[in-house]
C-alpha atoms as a PDB file:
ATOM      1  CA  MET A   1      37.671   1.916 -14.166  1.00  0.00           C
ATOM      2  CA  THR A   2      35.752   1.958 -10.913  1.00  0.00           C
ATOM      3  CA  LEU A   3      32.940  -0.590 -10.927  1.00  0.00           C
ATOM      4  CA  ASN A   4      29.739   0.892  -9.476  1.00  0.00           C
ATOM      5  CA  LEU A   5      27.425  -1.908  -8.434  1.00  0.00           C
ATOM      6  CA  VAL A   6      23.811  -1.337  -7.400  1.00  0.00           C
ATOM      7  CA  PRO A   7      22.054  -3.687  -4.955  1.00  0.00           C
ATOM      8  CA  PHE A   8      19.112  -5.415  -6.636  1.00  0.00           C
ATOM      9  CA  VAL A   9      16.430  -7.265  -4.707  1.00  0.00           C
ATOM     10  CA  SER A  10      14.814  -9.847  -6.971  1.00  0.00           C
ATOM     11  CA  VAL A  11      11.452 -11.485  -6.361  1.00  0.00           C
ATOM     12  CA  HIS A  12      13.299 -14.563  -5.118  1.00  0.00           C
ATOM     13  CA  ASN A  13      15.351 -12.605  -2.609  1.00  0.00           C
ATOM     14  CA  MET A  14      12.348 -10.527  -1.485  1.00  0.00           C
ATOM     15  CA  MET A  15      10.482 -13.711  -0.662  1.00  0.00           C
ATOM     16  CA  LYS A  16      13.500 -15.090   1.220  1.00  0.00           C
ATOM     17  CA  LEU A  17      13.910 -11.819   3.112  1.00  0.00           C
ATOM     18  CA  VAL A  18      10.244 -11.744   4.186  1.00  0.00           C
ATOM     19  CA  LEU A  19      10.321 -15.372   5.318  1.00  0.00           C
ATOM     20  CA  GLN A  20      13.642 -14.941   7.099  1.00  0.00           C
ATOM     21  CA  LEU A  21      12.476 -11.892   9.043  1.00  0.00           C
ATOM     22  CA  GLY A  22       8.869 -13.084   9.426  1.00  0.00           C
ATOM     23  CA  VAL A  23       5.823 -11.648   7.676  1.00  0.00           C
ATOM     24  CA  GLU A  24       4.345 -10.031  10.764  1.00  0.00           C
ATOM     25  CA  ARG A  25       7.672  -8.561  11.866  1.00  0.00           C
ATOM     26  CA  VAL A  26       8.061  -6.983   8.427  1.00  0.00           C
ATOM     27  CA  MET A  27       4.525  -5.509   8.694  1.00  0.00           C
ATOM     28  CA  VAL A  28       5.268  -3.999  12.098  1.00  0.00           C
ATOM     29  CA  ASP A  29       8.649  -2.659  10.928  1.00  0.00           C
ATOM     30  CA  LEU A  30       7.165  -1.152   7.763  1.00  0.00           C
ATOM     31  CA  ALA A  31       4.381   0.551   9.744  1.00  0.00           C
ATOM     32  CA  ALA A  32       7.017   2.063  12.043  1.00  0.00           C
ATOM     33  CA  GLU A  33       9.053   3.344   9.073  1.00  0.00           C
ATOM     34  CA  ILE A  34       5.969   4.804   7.374  1.00  0.00           C
ATOM     35  CA  GLU A  35       4.873   6.514  10.610  1.00  0.00           C
ATOM     36  CA  ALA A  36       8.336   8.008  11.076  1.00  0.00           C
ATOM     37  CA  ASP A  37       8.313   9.421   7.543  1.00  0.00           C
ATOM     38  CA  PHE A  38       4.739  10.720   7.908  1.00  0.00           C
ATOM     39  CA  LEU A  39       5.922  12.612  10.991  1.00  0.00           C
ATOM     40  CA  ARG A  40       8.401  14.474   8.770  1.00  0.00           C
ATOM     41  CA  TRP A  41       5.846  14.978   6.002  1.00  0.00           C
ATOM     42  CA  PRO A  42       6.769  18.623   5.247  1.00  0.00           C
ATOM     43  CA  GLN A  43      10.333  17.577   4.318  1.00  0.00           C
ATOM     44  CA  PHE A  44       9.159  15.556   1.288  1.00  0.00           C
ATOM     45  CA  ASP A  45       8.516  16.576  -2.285  1.00  0.00           C
ATOM     46  CA  LYS A  46       4.908  15.633  -2.949  1.00  0.00           C
ATOM     47  CA  THR A  47       3.011  15.219  -6.197  1.00  0.00           C
ATOM     48  CA  PRO A  48       0.071  13.091  -7.311  1.00  0.00           C
ATOM     49  CA  ARG A  49       1.321  10.045  -9.112  1.00  0.00           C
ATOM     50  CA  ILE A  50       1.901  10.405 -12.834  1.00  0.00           C
ATOM     51  CA  ALA A  51      -0.661   8.160 -14.499  1.00  0.00           C
ATOM     52  CA  SER A  52      -1.137   6.834 -18.021  1.00  0.00           C
ATOM     53  CA  HIS A  53      -4.680   5.479 -18.260  1.00  0.00           C
ATOM     54  CA  SER A  54      -6.084   3.130 -20.888  1.00  0.00           C
ATOM     55  CA  ASP A  55      -9.369   1.278 -21.309  1.00  0.00           C
ATOM     56  CA  VAL A  56      -7.869  -1.783 -19.654  1.00  0.00           C
ATOM     57  CA  GLY A  57      -5.802  -0.327 -16.836  1.00  0.00           C
ATOM     58  CA  VAL A  58      -3.252   2.197 -15.713  1.00  0.00           C
ATOM     59  CA  ILE A  59       0.538   2.559 -15.560  1.00  0.00           C
ATOM     60  CA  GLU A  60       1.896   4.985 -12.979  1.00  0.00           C
ATOM     61  CA  LEU A  61       5.085   6.534 -11.641  1.00  0.00           C
ATOM     62  CA  MET A  62       5.184   7.537  -7.977  1.00  0.00           C
ATOM     63  CA  PRO A  63       8.141   9.837  -7.133  1.00  0.00           C
ATOM     64  CA  THR A  64       9.230  11.617  -3.972  1.00  0.00           C
ATOM     65  CA  SER A  65      12.374  12.928  -2.252  1.00  0.00           C
ATOM     66  CA  ASP A  66      13.310  14.070   1.250  1.00  0.00           C
ATOM     67  CA  GLY A  67      16.158  16.207  -0.088  1.00  0.00           C
ATOM     68  CA  GLU A  68      18.797  13.553   0.588  1.00  0.00           C
ATOM     69  CA  THR A  69      17.349  10.461  -1.086  1.00  0.00           C
ATOM     70  CA  TYR A  70      15.086  10.247  -4.120  1.00  0.00           C
ATOM     71  CA  GLY A  71      12.697   7.364  -4.719  1.00  0.00           C
ATOM     72  CA  PHE A  72      10.189   6.279  -7.282  1.00  0.00           C
ATOM     73  CA  LYS A  73       7.942   3.331  -7.977  1.00  0.00           C
ATOM     74  CA  TYR A  74       6.668   2.035 -11.315  1.00  0.00           C
ATOM     75  CA  VAL A  75       3.331   0.318 -10.831  1.00  0.00           C
ATOM     76  CA  ASN A  76       0.462  -0.877 -13.006  1.00  0.00           C
ATOM     77  CA  GLY A  77      -3.141  -1.763 -12.292  1.00  0.00           C
ATOM     78  CA  HIS A  78      -4.856  -4.023 -14.828  1.00  0.00           C
ATOM     79  CA  PRO A  79      -7.903  -5.803 -13.379  1.00  0.00           C
ATOM     80  CA  GLY A  80      -8.334  -7.932 -16.505  1.00  0.00           C
ATOM     81  CA  ASN A  81      -4.921  -9.521 -16.028  1.00  0.00           C
ATOM     82  CA  MET A  82      -6.343 -12.099 -13.611  1.00  0.00           C
ATOM     83  CA  LYS A  83      -8.313 -13.744 -16.415  1.00  0.00           C
ATOM     84  CA  LYS A  84      -5.010 -14.159 -18.298  1.00  0.00           C
ATOM     85  CA  GLY A  85      -3.304 -15.730 -15.305  1.00  0.00           C
ATOM     86  CA  LEU A  86      -1.367 -12.504 -14.633  1.00  0.00           C
ATOM     87  CA  GLN A  87      -1.058 -10.251 -11.599  1.00  0.00           C
ATOM     88  CA  THR A  88      -3.420  -7.264 -11.397  1.00  0.00           C
ATOM     89  CA  VAL A  89      -0.625  -5.140  -9.915  1.00  0.00           C
ATOM     90  CA  THR A  90       3.107  -5.361 -10.586  1.00  0.00           C
ATOM     91  CA  ALA A  91       5.779  -2.937  -9.498  1.00  0.00           C
ATOM     92  CA  PHE A  92       9.445  -2.129  -9.098  1.00  0.00           C
ATOM     93  CA  GLY A  93      11.185   0.757  -7.359  1.00  0.00           C
ATOM     94  CA  LEU A  94      14.438   2.641  -7.025  1.00  0.00           C
ATOM     95  CA  LEU A  95      16.259   4.785  -4.477  1.00  0.00           C
ATOM     96  CA  ALA A  96      18.931   7.265  -5.528  1.00  0.00           C
ATOM     97  CA  ASP A  97      21.384   9.629  -3.865  1.00  0.00           C
ATOM     98  CA  VAL A  98      20.240  13.218  -4.403  1.00  0.00           C
ATOM     99  CA  THR A  99      23.829  14.506  -4.189  1.00  0.00           C
ATOM    100  CA  THR A 100      25.174  12.441  -7.107  1.00  0.00           C
ATOM    101  CA  GLY A 101      22.013  11.134  -8.781  1.00  0.00           C
ATOM    102  CA  TYR A 102      23.468   7.636  -8.597  1.00  0.00           C
ATOM    103  CA  PRO A 103      21.052   4.779  -7.778  1.00  0.00           C
ATOM    104  CA  LEU A 104      21.345   3.178  -4.347  1.00  0.00           C
ATOM    105  CA  LEU A 105      18.846   0.327  -4.682  1.00  0.00           C
ATOM    106  CA  LEU A 106      16.680  -1.334  -7.317  1.00  0.00           C
ATOM    107  CA  SER A 107      13.994  -3.661  -6.043  1.00  0.00           C
ATOM    108  CA  GLU A 108      10.963  -5.656  -7.020  1.00  0.00           C
ATOM    109  CA  MET A 109       7.902  -4.044  -5.485  1.00  0.00           C
ATOM    110  CA  THR A 110       4.997  -6.308  -6.366  1.00  0.00           C
ATOM    111  CA  ILE A 111       5.417  -8.142  -3.074  1.00  0.00           C
ATOM    112  CA  LEU A 112       6.734  -5.073  -1.282  1.00  0.00           C
ATOM    113  CA  THR A 113       3.727  -2.984  -2.352  1.00  0.00           C
ATOM    114  CA  ALA A 114       1.372  -5.616  -0.933  1.00  0.00           C
ATOM    115  CA  LEU A 115       3.292  -5.492   2.340  1.00  0.00           C
ATOM    116  CA  ARG A 116       3.429  -1.685   2.591  1.00  0.00           C
ATOM    117  CA  THR A 117      -0.228  -1.293   1.566  1.00  0.00           C
ATOM    118  CA  ALA A 118      -1.333  -3.587   4.363  1.00  0.00           C
ATOM    119  CA  ALA A 119       1.063  -1.985   6.863  1.00  0.00           C
ATOM    120  CA  THR A 120      -0.306   1.461   5.988  1.00  0.00           C
ATOM    121  CA  SER A 121      -3.907   0.240   6.392  1.00  0.00           C
ATOM    122  CA  ALA A 122      -3.204  -1.146   9.832  1.00  0.00           C
ATOM    123  CA  LEU A 123      -1.208   1.937  10.823  1.00  0.00           C
ATOM    124  CA  ALA A 124      -4.184   4.148   9.931  1.00  0.00           C
ATOM    125  CA  ALA A 125      -6.488   1.885  11.932  1.00  0.00           C
ATOM    126  CA  LYS A 126      -4.158   2.096  14.921  1.00  0.00           C
ATOM    127  CA  TRP A 127      -4.851   5.844  14.935  1.00  0.00           C
ATOM    128  CA  LEU A 128      -8.508   5.831  13.870  1.00  0.00           C
ATOM    129  CA  ALA A 129     -10.322   2.576  14.602  1.00  0.00           C
ATOM    130  CA  PRO A 130     -12.313   1.589  17.688  1.00  0.00           C
ATOM    131  CA  ARG A 131     -10.980  -1.119  19.936  1.00  0.00           C
ATOM    132  CA  THR A 132     -12.102  -4.328  18.295  1.00  0.00           C
ATOM    133  CA  ASP A 133     -10.928  -7.859  17.727  1.00  0.00           C
ATOM    134  CA  THR A 134     -12.917  -8.512  14.528  1.00  0.00           C
ATOM    135  CA  MET A 135     -12.389  -7.315  10.969  1.00  0.00           C
ATOM    136  CA  ALA A 136     -14.496  -7.947   7.863  1.00  0.00           C
ATOM    137  CA  LEU A 137     -12.373  -8.415   4.747  1.00  0.00           C
ATOM    138  CA  ILE A 138     -14.378  -7.948   1.559  1.00  0.00           C
ATOM    139  CA  GLY A 139     -12.357  -8.873  -1.528  1.00  0.00           C
ATOM    140  CA  ASN A 140     -10.148 -11.898  -0.971  1.00  0.00           C
ATOM    141  CA  GLY A 141      -7.650 -11.538  -3.818  1.00  0.00           C
ATOM    142  CA  ALA A 142      -3.889 -10.984  -3.783  1.00  0.00           C
ATOM    143  CA  GLN A 143      -3.922  -8.306  -1.045  1.00  0.00           C
ATOM    144  CA  ALA A 144      -6.229 -10.046   1.419  1.00  0.00           C
ATOM    145  CA  GLU A 145      -3.832 -12.154   3.472  1.00  0.00           C
ATOM    146  CA  PHE A 146      -1.415  -9.242   3.854  1.00  0.00           C
ATOM    147  CA  GLN A 147      -4.252  -7.080   5.225  1.00  0.00           C
ATOM    148  CA  ALA A 148      -5.363  -9.734   7.673  1.00  0.00           C
ATOM    149  CA  LEU A 149      -1.872 -10.336   9.061  1.00  0.00           C
ATOM    150  CA  ALA A 150      -1.042  -6.638   9.270  1.00  0.00           C
ATOM    151  CA  PHE A 151      -4.182  -5.967  11.315  1.00  0.00           C
ATOM    152  CA  LYS A 152      -3.356  -8.941  13.536  1.00  0.00           C
ATOM    153  CA  ALA A 153       0.220  -7.788  14.157  1.00  0.00           C
ATOM    154  CA  ILE A 154      -0.448  -4.044  14.517  1.00  0.00           C
ATOM    155  CA  CYS A 155      -4.041  -3.742  15.779  1.00  0.00           C
ATOM    156  CA  GLY A 156      -4.536  -7.014  17.656  1.00  0.00           C
ATOM    157  CA  ILE A 157      -7.267  -8.393  15.383  1.00  0.00           C
ATOM    158  CA  THR A 158      -8.058 -12.025  16.259  1.00  0.00           C
ATOM    159  CA  GLU A 159     -11.006 -12.779  13.943  1.00  0.00           C
ATOM    160  CA  VAL A 160     -11.306 -12.144  10.203  1.00  0.00           C
ATOM    161  CA  ARG A 161     -14.605 -12.543   8.398  1.00  0.00           C
ATOM    162  CA  LEU A 162     -14.056 -13.143   4.657  1.00  0.00           C
ATOM    163  CA  TYR A 163     -16.258 -12.500   1.656  1.00  0.00           C
ATOM    164  CA  ASP A 164     -15.593 -12.436  -2.103  1.00  0.00           C
ATOM    165  CA  ILE A 165     -17.948 -12.819  -5.044  1.00  0.00           C
ATOM    166  CA  ASP A 166     -15.671 -15.715  -6.047  1.00  0.00           C
ATOM    167  CA  PRO A 167     -15.863 -18.456  -3.379  1.00  0.00           C
ATOM    168  CA  LYS A 168     -12.541 -19.842  -4.652  1.00  0.00           C
ATOM    169  CA  ALA A 169     -10.815 -16.629  -3.613  1.00  0.00           C
ATOM    170  CA  THR A 170     -12.271 -16.904  -0.110  1.00  0.00           C
ATOM    171  CA  ALA A 171     -11.185 -20.558   0.125  1.00  0.00           C
ATOM    172  CA  LYS A 172      -7.677 -19.588  -1.012  1.00  0.00           C
ATOM    173  CA  CYS A 173      -7.451 -16.835   1.577  1.00  0.00           C
ATOM    174  CA  ALA A 174      -8.772 -19.010   4.380  1.00  0.00           C
ATOM    175  CA  ALA A 175      -6.288 -21.767   3.534  1.00  0.00           C
ATOM    176  CA  ASN A 176      -3.354 -19.344   3.478  1.00  0.00           C
ATOM    177  CA  LEU A 177      -4.342 -17.874   6.864  1.00  0.00           C
ATOM    178  CA  ALA A 178      -4.807 -21.271   8.530  1.00  0.00           C
ATOM    179  CA  GLY A 179      -2.527 -21.769  11.534  1.00  0.00           C
ATOM    180  CA  ARG A 180      -1.583 -18.088  11.811  1.00  0.00           C
ATOM    181  CA  GLY A 181      -3.403 -17.293  15.021  1.00  0.00           C
ATOM    182  CA  LEU A 182      -6.592 -15.934  13.471  1.00  0.00           C
ATOM    183  CA  THR A 183     -10.136 -17.201  13.639  1.00  0.00           C
ATOM    184  CA  VAL A 184     -11.214 -17.172   9.997  1.00  0.00           C
ATOM    185  CA  THR A 185     -14.884 -17.212   9.018  1.00  0.00           C
ATOM    186  CA  ALA A 186     -15.917 -17.635   5.365  1.00  0.00           C
ATOM    187  CA  CYS A 187     -19.116 -15.708   4.648  1.00  0.00           C
ATOM    188  CA  THR A 188     -21.578 -15.897   1.780  1.00  0.00           C
ATOM    189  CA  SER A 189     -22.361 -12.171   1.564  1.00  0.00           C
ATOM    190  CA  ALA A 190     -20.874  -8.809   2.448  1.00  0.00           C
ATOM    191  CA  GLU A 191     -23.737  -8.298   4.882  1.00  0.00           C
ATOM    192  CA  GLN A 192     -22.840 -11.459   6.727  1.00  0.00           C
ATOM    193  CA  ALA A 193     -19.133 -10.561   6.783  1.00  0.00           C
ATOM    194  CA  ILE A 194     -19.585  -7.187   8.473  1.00  0.00           C
ATOM    195  CA  LEU A 195     -21.723  -8.562  11.347  1.00  0.00           C
ATOM    196  CA  GLY A 196     -19.883  -7.773  14.570  1.00  0.00           C
ATOM    197  CA  ALA A 197     -16.882  -6.281  12.796  1.00  0.00           C
ATOM    198  CA  GLY A 198     -15.438  -3.075  14.209  1.00  0.00           C
ATOM    199  CA  ILE A 199     -13.222  -2.684  11.153  1.00  0.00           C
ATOM    200  CA  ILE A 200     -14.381  -3.224   7.557  1.00  0.00           C
ATOM    201  CA  THR A 201     -11.739  -3.507   4.839  1.00  0.00           C
ATOM    202  CA  THR A 202     -12.796  -3.375   1.193  1.00  0.00           C
ATOM    203  CA  VAL A 203     -10.129  -4.411  -1.268  1.00  0.00           C
ATOM    204  CA  THR A 204     -11.751  -5.352  -4.568  1.00  0.00           C
ATOM    205  CA  ALA A 205     -10.144  -5.117  -8.001  1.00  0.00           C
ATOM    206  CA  ASP A 206     -12.776  -4.248 -10.620  1.00  0.00           C
ATOM    207  CA  LYS A 207     -12.153  -0.888 -12.305  1.00  0.00           C
ATOM    208  CA  THR A 208     -15.742   0.324 -11.896  1.00  0.00           C
ATOM    209  CA  ASN A 209     -17.806   2.626  -9.716  1.00  0.00           C
ATOM    210  CA  ALA A 210     -19.030  -0.299  -7.652  1.00  0.00           C
ATOM    211  CA  THR A 211     -21.060  -0.296  -4.448  1.00  0.00           C
ATOM    212  CA  ILE A 212     -19.458  -2.910  -2.242  1.00  0.00           C
ATOM    213  CA  LEU A 213     -20.983  -1.303   0.847  1.00  0.00           C
ATOM    214  CA  THR A 214     -24.379   0.412   0.766  1.00  0.00           C
ATOM    215  CA  ASP A 215     -25.233   3.154   3.243  1.00  0.00           C
ATOM    216  CA  ASN A 216     -27.652   1.003   5.252  1.00  0.00           C
ATOM    217  CA  MET A 217     -25.007  -1.697   5.775  1.00  0.00           C
ATOM    218  CA  VAL A 218     -22.709   0.512   7.843  1.00  0.00           C
ATOM    219  CA  GLY A 219     -23.671   1.122  11.452  1.00  0.00           C
ATOM    220  CA  ALA A 220     -22.301   3.587  13.974  1.00  0.00           C
ATOM    221  CA  GLY A 221     -18.839   3.323  15.451  1.00  0.00           C
ATOM    222  CA  VAL A 222     -17.043   1.330  12.753  1.00  0.00           C
ATOM    223  CA  HIS A 223     -13.825   2.084  10.925  1.00  0.00           C
ATOM    224  CA  ILE A 224     -13.760   1.521   7.163  1.00  0.00           C
ATOM    225  CA  ASN A 225     -10.499   0.807   5.428  1.00  0.00           C
ATOM    226  CA  GLY A 226     -11.252   1.555   1.767  1.00  0.00           C
ATOM    227  CA  VAL A 227      -8.372   0.133  -0.273  1.00  0.00           C
ATOM    228  CA  GLY A 228      -9.840  -0.900  -3.622  1.00  0.00           C
ATOM    229  CA  GLY A 229     -10.922   2.527  -4.911  1.00  0.00           C
ATOM    230  CA  ASP A 230      -7.576   3.748  -6.183  1.00  0.00           C
ATOM    231  CA  CYS A 231      -7.983   5.301  -9.650  1.00  0.00           C
ATOM    232  CA  PRO A 232     -10.444   7.542 -11.488  1.00  0.00           C
ATOM    233  CA  GLY A 233     -13.729   5.737 -12.089  1.00  0.00           C
ATOM    234  CA  LYS A 234     -13.030   3.048  -9.484  1.00  0.00           C
ATOM    235  CA  THR A 235     -14.872   3.221  -6.163  1.00  0.00           C
ATOM    236  CA  GLU A 236     -16.367   0.802  -3.619  1.00  0.00           C
ATOM    237  CA  LEU A 237     -18.530   2.797  -1.214  1.00  0.00           C
ATOM    238  CA  ALA A 238     -21.978   4.347  -1.536  1.00  0.00           C
ATOM    239  CA  PRO A 239     -21.809   8.172  -1.372  1.00  0.00           C
ATOM    240  CA  GLY A 240     -24.094   8.156   1.637  1.00  0.00           C
ATOM    241  CA  ILE A 241     -21.403   6.458   3.688  1.00  0.00           C
ATOM    242  CA  LEU A 242     -18.928   9.187   2.798  1.00  0.00           C
ATOM    243  CA  HIS A 243     -21.299  11.956   3.843  1.00  0.00           C
ATOM    244  CA  ARG A 244     -21.599  10.629   7.379  1.00  0.00           C
ATOM    245  CA  SER A 245     -17.958   9.613   7.850  1.00  0.00           C
ATOM    246  CA  ALA A 246     -14.916  11.443   9.121  1.00  0.00           C
ATOM    247  CA  ILE A 247     -12.609  10.914   6.148  1.00  0.00           C
ATOM    248  CA  PHE A 248      -8.853  10.555   6.361  1.00  0.00           C
ATOM    249  CA  VAL A 249      -6.517  10.421   3.349  1.00  0.00           C
ATOM    250  CA  GLU A 250      -2.829  10.267   2.513  1.00  0.00           C
ATOM    251  CA  TYR A 251      -2.394  13.239   0.149  1.00  0.00           C
ATOM    252  CA  ARG A 252      -5.497  15.278  -0.678  1.00  0.00           C
ATOM    253  CA  PRO A 253      -4.664  16.258  -4.311  1.00  0.00           C
ATOM    254  CA  GLN A 254      -4.111  12.598  -5.269  1.00  0.00           C
ATOM    255  CA  THR A 255      -7.028  11.122  -3.328  1.00  0.00           C
ATOM    256  CA  ARG A 256      -9.517  13.610  -4.756  1.00  0.00           C
ATOM    257  CA  ILE A 257      -8.659  12.255  -8.208  1.00  0.00           C
ATOM    258  CA  GLU A 258      -8.416   8.560  -7.378  1.00  0.00           C
ATOM    259  CA  GLY A 259     -10.111   7.757  -4.065  1.00  0.00           C
ATOM    260  CA  GLU A 260     -13.624   7.314  -2.802  1.00  0.00           C
ATOM    261  CA  ILE A 261     -13.836  11.079  -2.390  1.00  0.00           C
ATOM    262  CA  GLN A 262     -13.822  11.536  -6.182  1.00  0.00           C
ATOM    263  CA  GLN A 263     -17.588  11.084  -5.649  1.00  0.00           C
ATOM    264  CA  LEU A 264     -17.764  14.207  -3.438  1.00  0.00           C
ATOM    265  CA  ALA A 265     -17.490  17.953  -3.998  1.00  0.00           C
ATOM    266  CA  PRO A 266     -13.883  19.147  -4.426  1.00  0.00           C
ATOM    267  CA  ASP A 267     -14.058  21.111  -1.188  1.00  0.00           C
ATOM    268  CA  HIS A 268     -15.552  18.319   0.951  1.00  0.00           C
ATOM    269  CA  PRO A 269     -13.515  18.338   4.215  1.00  0.00           C
ATOM    270  CA  VAL A 270     -10.949  15.568   4.669  1.00  0.00           C
ATOM    271  CA  THR A 271      -7.945  15.181   6.975  1.00  0.00           C
ATOM    272  CA  GLU A 272      -4.498  13.994   5.938  1.00  0.00           C
ATOM    273  CA  LEU A 273      -3.373  11.098   8.123  1.00  0.00           C
ATOM    274  CA  TRP A 274       0.004  12.639   8.937  1.00  0.00           C
ATOM    275  CA  GLN A 275      -1.807  15.553  10.622  1.00  0.00           C
ATOM    276  CA  VAL A 276      -3.408  13.142  13.095  1.00  0.00           C
ATOM    277  CA  MET A 277      -0.061  11.517  13.842  1.00  0.00           C
ATOM    278  CA  ALA A 278       1.559  14.910  14.355  1.00  0.00           C
ATOM    279  CA  GLY A 279      -1.196  16.096  16.703  1.00  0.00           C
ATOM    280  CA  GLN A 280      -2.359  18.781  14.278  1.00  0.00           C
ATOM    281  CA  ALA A 281      -5.838  17.308  13.739  1.00  0.00           C
ATOM    282  CA  PRO A 282      -8.157  14.985  15.694  1.00  0.00           C
ATOM    283  CA  GLY A 283      -8.642  11.360  14.751  1.00  0.00           C
ATOM    284  CA  ARG A 284     -11.634   9.401  16.083  1.00  0.00           C
ATOM    285  CA  GLN A 285     -13.594  11.762  18.320  1.00  0.00           C
ATOM    286  CA  ASP A 286     -16.310   9.527  19.815  1.00  0.00           C
ATOM    287  CA  ALA A 287     -17.420   5.905  19.978  1.00  0.00           C
ATOM    288  CA  ALA A 288     -20.317   6.393  17.557  1.00  0.00           C
ATOM    289  CA  GLN A 289     -18.299   8.078  14.823  1.00  0.00           C
ATOM    290  CA  VAL A 290     -17.755   6.329  11.480  1.00  0.00           C
ATOM    291  CA  THR A 291     -14.174   6.819  10.334  1.00  0.00           C
ATOM    292  CA  LEU A 292     -12.935   6.136   6.815  1.00  0.00           C
ATOM    293  CA  PHE A 293      -9.363   5.764   5.661  1.00  0.00           C
ATOM    294  CA  ASP A 294      -9.658   6.438   1.944  1.00  0.00           C
ATOM    295  CA  SER A 295      -6.452   4.660   0.951  1.00  0.00           C
ATOM    296  CA  VAL A 296      -5.006   5.031  -2.529  1.00  0.00           C
ATOM    297  CA  GLY A 297      -1.306   4.592  -1.733  1.00  0.00           C
ATOM    298  CA  PHE A 298       1.249   7.393  -1.818  1.00  0.00           C
ATOM    299  CA  ALA A 299       4.891   7.673  -2.843  1.00  0.00           C
ATOM    300  CA  ILE A 300       6.182   8.373   0.670  1.00  0.00           C
ATOM    301  CA  GLU A 301       4.981   4.899   1.723  1.00  0.00           C
ATOM    302  CA  ASP A 302       7.009   3.343  -1.093  1.00  0.00           C
ATOM    303  CA  PHE A 303      10.001   5.491  -0.136  1.00  0.00           C
ATOM    304  CA  SER A 304       9.719   4.197   3.443  1.00  0.00           C
ATOM    305  CA  ALA A 305       9.442   0.607   2.260  1.00  0.00           C
ATOM    306  CA  LEU A 306      12.483   0.864  -0.029  1.00  0.00           C
ATOM    307  CA  ARG A 307      14.489   2.533   2.703  1.00  0.00           C
ATOM    308  CA  TYR A 308      13.562  -0.283   5.075  1.00  0.00           C
ATOM    309  CA  ILE A 309      14.546  -2.987   2.576  1.00  0.00           C
ATOM    310  CA  ARG A 310      17.898  -1.266   1.874  1.00  0.00           C
ATOM    311  CA  ALA A 311      18.679  -1.270   5.612  1.00  0.00           C
ATOM    312  CA  LYS A 312      17.722  -4.950   5.933  1.00  0.00           C
ATOM    313  CA  LEU A 313      20.201  -5.913   3.197  1.00  0.00           C
ATOM    314  CA  LEU A 314      22.971  -5.240   5.683  1.00  0.00           C
ATOM    315  CA  GLU A 315      21.324  -7.780   7.993  1.00  0.00           C
ATOM    316  CA  THR A 316      20.381 -10.415   5.425  1.00  0.00           C
ATOM    317  CA  GLY A 317      22.644  -9.918   2.393  1.00  0.00           C
ATOM    318  CA  LEU A 318      19.733 -10.988   0.224  1.00  0.00           C
ATOM    319  CA  CYS A 319      20.472  -9.099  -2.958  1.00  0.00           C
ATOM    320  CA  ASP A 320      22.403  -9.259  -6.203  1.00  0.00           C
ATOM    321  CA  GLN A 321      24.778  -6.590  -7.475  1.00  0.00           C
ATOM    322  CA  LEU A 322      23.971  -4.971 -10.834  1.00  0.00           C
ATOM    323  CA  ASP A 323      26.529  -3.268 -13.043  1.00  0.00           C
ATOM    324  CA  MET A 324      24.238  -0.365 -13.960  1.00  0.00           C
ATOM    325  CA  ILE A 325      26.459   2.723 -13.927  1.00  0.00           C
ATOM    326  CA  ALA A 326      28.980   3.423 -16.697  1.00  0.00           C
ATOM    327  CA  ASP A 327      31.976   4.895 -14.868  1.00  0.00           C
ATOM    328  CA  PRO A 328      34.984   5.612 -17.125  1.00  0.00           C
ATOM    329  CA  ASP A 329      38.345   6.574 -15.588  1.00  0.00           C
ATOM    330  CA  ASP A 330      37.879   9.959 -17.214  1.00  0.00           C
ATOM    331  CA  PRO A 331      34.253  11.111 -16.848  1.00  0.00           C
ATOM    332  CA  ARG A 332      34.588  12.903 -20.203  1.00  0.00           C
ATOM    333  CA  ASP A 333      35.669   9.789 -22.083  1.00  0.00           C
ATOM    334  CA  LEU A 334      32.574   7.551 -22.213  1.00  0.00           C
ATOM    335  CA  PHE A 335      33.303   6.610 -25.867  1.00  0.00           C
ATOM    336  CA  GLY A 336      36.844   5.599 -24.991  1.00  0.00           C
ATOM    337  CA  MET A 337      35.489   3.338 -22.289  1.00  0.00           C
ATOM    338  CA  ILE A 338      33.507   1.473 -24.942  1.00  0.00           C
ATOM    339  CA  LEU A 339      36.576   1.102 -27.167  1.00  0.00           C
ATOM    340  CA  ARG A 340      38.672  -0.301 -24.312  1.00  0.00           C
ATOM    341  CA  ALA A 341      36.099  -3.034 -23.745  1.00  0.00           C
ATOM    342  CA  ALA A 342      36.907  -4.616 -27.107  1.00  0.00           C
END
């Protein structure tokens, strides 16, 4: 019998890998991988994620393939989990060989999703945002530090202005970012946080049609990174902001269901980010323009992240090997394989 072992990256090994390589290096590397895959966007199978919604949250599958490798992510979003001491978002993912269907990698993706979400945000800002050294970060939960460090590493942000309705979350975020080369300012309101910020990131967790930013709060020339509105019935921005922004998305059919633009008419014009990268559509067109990256996350980003981690296993060796594939000597004799194990 040939033993087919599948590399598995546990939470423990993912943490070791990130620390060994360096958080900011991983962010930069992930952004490069995502950009490379966005530049070959037409090669991928694309579908809105398959979602199972309940009153308390959502469970989703996010699949894609480039014709050679298949990938999917399982992910949940349960805002009420925090009150139970649980993560709002958890995830795992898999890569497989299209030719055989055999898995190539199984990995935790709770940490990896936080990394790739932040890397994608900063990548979009690299293409869309004005030159600025200051970012407002509204919502200081589990994603906040990743966003701050990604924008530092990829966009050159040097100051982060924090606000959360829970001051403990802001204190946590500020403590975690201490000594990482950022000037961190804790603010007592969203209005205070956005003062002087060329980039505004909203990353709140409540599954509601909230108004984190009102229309009169947003001046000319800023870039908004809307991360928290990522499922039906969950938004962060006042509709007025959307109507005067140039809006950029990952995959239109998914974002119209889940993003900020669920508040707009189905034919409201938006641009897919890959089109800007490929030179098929303009990004920011003038200094006064308000740009919005309506980020909901898309399967190609997870595919890129998994592909990156698989490559880094050759460098780090930080994985276990799982005996996942039954492989009898005779492919027709699966039952006999069981009997011979007695």
